[in-house]
Amino acid sequence: MNFDIKTEQLGDSSYVISLAGEVDLYTAPEFKQQLLDAIAQGAKHVVVDFSDTTFIDSTTLGVLVGGVKRLRTNEGQLSLVCTFIDSTTLGVLVGGVKRLRTNDGQLSLVCNDRNITKIFEITGLDRVFTIYPTRDEALEQIGSSSQPSA
């Protein structure tokens, strides 16, 4: 089975969870546990990096939605880094947004591939997802949103 996970704490309340390989029914429980551990340690902002992921399924969607629900109760946010997309992945993400909206959740996407962002523009989904061009810009947004307002 091709799967790897790495969790990185960036500050008191910011984490990046990087996934590689297939995230499915068999590997999603480990992803879920890493996400829950980060939230239990006080995470308010979590970036899930799917850059090296080759497949996700509806089980992965359930983990993301559950994470957003928990983060939203603490005014947190979940962002995704994604460098691939196919019709299945697009369907999973759209389904996720529908479920998240019923809980006032927010899901952001990081995508630097013009072919992928074009799919979001053509379908109008660029108005549904917050899309960042790079992982660094998503992390920068986390940094500015966690700063107290003057």
Protein backbone atom coordinates (compact mmCIF):
# COMPACT_ATOMS: atom_id res chain seq x y z
CA MET A 1 0.00 0.00 0.00
CA ASN A 2 1.39 3.38 -1.03
CA PHE A 3 0.75 5.91 1.75
CA ASP A 4 2.73 8.33 3.88
CA ILE A 5 1.74 11.11 6.29
CA LYS A 6 3.71 13.89 7.97
CA THR A 7 2.37 16.48 10.42
CA GLU A 8 4.27 19.72 10.93
CA GLN A 9 3.46 22.32 13.59
CA LEU A 10 4.15 25.85 12.32
CA GLY A 11 3.15 27.82 15.39
CA ASP A 12 0.91 27.60 18.41
CA SER A 13 -2.21 27.02 16.34
CA SER A 14 -1.07 26.26 12.76
CA TYR A 15 -0.31 22.84 11.30
CA VAL A 16 0.42 21.32 7.91
CA ILE A 17 -0.52 17.69 7.29
CA SER A 18 1.22 16.37 4.16
CA LEU A 19 -0.12 13.21 2.58
CA ALA A 20 1.44 11.02 -0.12
CA GLY A 21 0.07 8.09 -2.06
CA GLU A 22 -3.50 6.86 -1.81
CA VAL A 23 -5.81 8.21 0.90
CA ASP A 24 -8.73 5.81 0.98
CA LEU A 25 -10.84 3.57 3.20
CA TYR A 26 -7.71 1.83 4.52
CA THR A 27 -5.44 4.84 5.08
CA ALA A 28 -7.94 7.59 5.96
CA PRO A 29 -8.19 6.50 9.62
CA GLU A 30 -4.51 7.40 10.13
CA PHE A 31 -5.12 10.78 8.44
CA LYS A 32 -8.16 11.31 10.66
CA GLN A 33 -6.15 10.57 13.79
CA GLN A 34 -3.39 13.02 12.80
CA LEU A 35 -6.00 15.72 12.12
CA LEU A 36 -7.81 15.08 15.42
CA ASP A 37 -4.48 15.12 17.29
CA ALA A 38 -3.60 18.51 15.77
CA ILE A 39 -7.02 19.91 16.72
CA ALA A 40 -6.71 18.48 20.24
CA GLN A 41 -3.36 20.28 20.56
CA GLY A 42 -5.06 23.60 19.79
CA ALA A 43 -4.92 23.85 16.00
CA LYS A 44 -7.05 26.64 14.55
CA HIS A 45 -5.56 26.59 11.06
CA VAL A 46 -4.74 23.36 9.27
CA VAL A 47 -3.38 23.06 5.73
CA VAL A 48 -3.76 19.59 4.25
CA ASP A 49 -1.17 19.13 1.51
CA PHE A 50 -2.32 16.69 -1.18
CA SER A 51 0.58 17.56 -3.54
CA ASP A 52 1.99 14.02 -3.46
CA THR A 53 -1.38 12.29 -3.21
CA THR A 54 -2.42 10.07 -6.11
CA PHE A 55 -5.97 9.21 -5.04
CA ILE A 56 -8.65 10.30 -2.57
CA ASP A 57 -12.11 8.87 -2.01
CA SER A 58 -15.28 9.70 -0.11
CA THR A 59 -13.73 8.43 3.12
CA THR A 60 -11.15 11.19 2.80
CA LEU A 61 -13.97 13.67 2.25
CA GLY A 62 -15.57 12.51 5.50
CA VAL A 63 -12.31 13.15 7.35
CA LEU A 64 -12.06 16.67 5.86
CA VAL A 65 -15.66 17.54 6.69
CA GLY A 66 -15.26 16.24 10.25
CA GLY A 67 -12.09 18.28 10.63
CA VAL A 68 -13.75 21.46 9.38
CA LYS A 69 -16.67 20.98 11.77
CA ARG A 70 -14.29 20.69 14.72
CA LEU A 71 -12.13 23.61 13.58
CA ARG A 72 -15.15 25.87 12.96
CA THR A 73 -16.26 25.53 16.57
CA ASN A 74 -12.95 27.25 17.43
CA GLU A 75 -13.17 29.76 14.56
CA GLY A 76 -10.59 27.72 12.66
CA GLN A 77 -10.07 26.99 8.99
CA LEU A 78 -8.97 24.06 6.84
CA SER A 79 -7.08 24.67 3.58
CA LEU A 80 -6.03 22.15 0.93
CA VAL A 81 -2.99 22.00 -1.36
CA CYS A 82 -3.89 20.06 -4.49
CA THR A 83 -1.80 19.66 -7.66
CA PHE A 84 -4.01 17.13 -9.43
CA ILE A 85 -7.68 16.82 -10.18
CA ASP A 86 -9.91 14.43 -12.03
CA SER A 87 -13.69 14.18 -12.22
CA THR A 88 -13.84 11.95 -9.14
CA THR A 89 -11.77 14.35 -7.07
CA LEU A 90 -13.82 17.31 -8.30
CA GLY A 91 -17.01 15.49 -7.29
CA VAL A 92 -15.57 14.72 -3.86
CA LEU A 93 -14.63 18.37 -3.33
CA VAL A 94 -18.01 19.68 -4.50
CA GLY A 95 -19.79 17.24 -2.21
CA GLY A 96 -17.55 18.38 0.61
CA VAL A 97 -18.40 22.03 0.08
CA LYS A 98 -22.13 21.26 0.11
CA ARG A 99 -21.77 19.40 3.40
CA LEU A 100 -19.54 22.09 4.88
CA ARG A 101 -21.93 24.91 4.03
CA THR A 102 -24.61 23.31 6.13
CA ASN A 103 -22.23 23.71 9.10
CA ASP A 104 -20.88 27.18 8.20
CA GLY A 105 -17.58 25.53 7.31
CA GLN A 106 -14.93 26.78 4.93
CA LEU A 107 -12.64 24.81 2.65
CA SER A 108 -9.79 26.49 0.76
CA LEU A 109 -7.76 24.97 -2.07
CA VAL A 110 -4.15 25.55 -3.12
CA CYS A 111 -3.58 24.93 -6.81
CA ASN A 112 -0.73 26.13 -9.01
CA ASP A 113 -1.63 24.24 -12.19
CA ARG A 114 -3.40 26.48 -14.71
CA ASN A 115 -5.18 23.48 -16.28
CA ILE A 116 -6.72 22.63 -12.92
CA THR A 117 -7.71 26.20 -12.00
CA LYS A 118 -9.30 26.54 -15.43
CA ILE A 119 -11.66 23.65 -14.57
CA PHE A 120 -12.76 25.57 -11.47
CA GLU A 121 -13.31 28.75 -13.51
CA ILE A 122 -15.29 27.00 -16.27
CA THR A 123 -17.57 25.29 -13.75
CA GLY A 124 -17.94 28.41 -11.60
CA LEU A 125 -16.38 26.63 -8.64
CA ASP A 126 -13.74 29.35 -8.33
CA ARG A 127 -16.53 31.28 -6.58
CA VAL A 128 -17.13 28.36 -4.19
CA PHE A 129 -13.56 27.59 -3.14
CA THR A 130 -10.92 30.01 -1.93
CA ILE A 131 -8.04 29.07 -4.24
CA TYR A 132 -4.45 29.96 -3.42
CA PRO A 133 -1.77 29.64 -6.12
CA THR A 134 0.90 28.31 -3.73
CA ARG A 135 1.25 26.58 -0.39
CA ASP A 136 3.27 29.59 0.84
CA GLU A 137 0.38 31.96 0.08
CA ALA A 138 -2.05 29.71 1.96
CA LEU A 139 0.32 29.70 4.93
CA GLU A 140 0.71 33.47 4.64
CA GLN A 141 -3.08 33.83 4.81
CA ILE A 142 -3.12 31.67 7.92
CA GLY A 143 -0.50 33.93 9.47
CA SER A 144 -2.44 37.09 8.71
CA SER A 145 -5.78 35.66 9.85
CA SER A 146 -4.31 34.60 13.17
CA GLN A 147 -2.94 38.09 13.86
CA PRO A 148 -5.09 40.17 16.19
CA SER A 149 -6.84 43.02 14.42
CA ALA A 150 -5.85 46.53 15.43
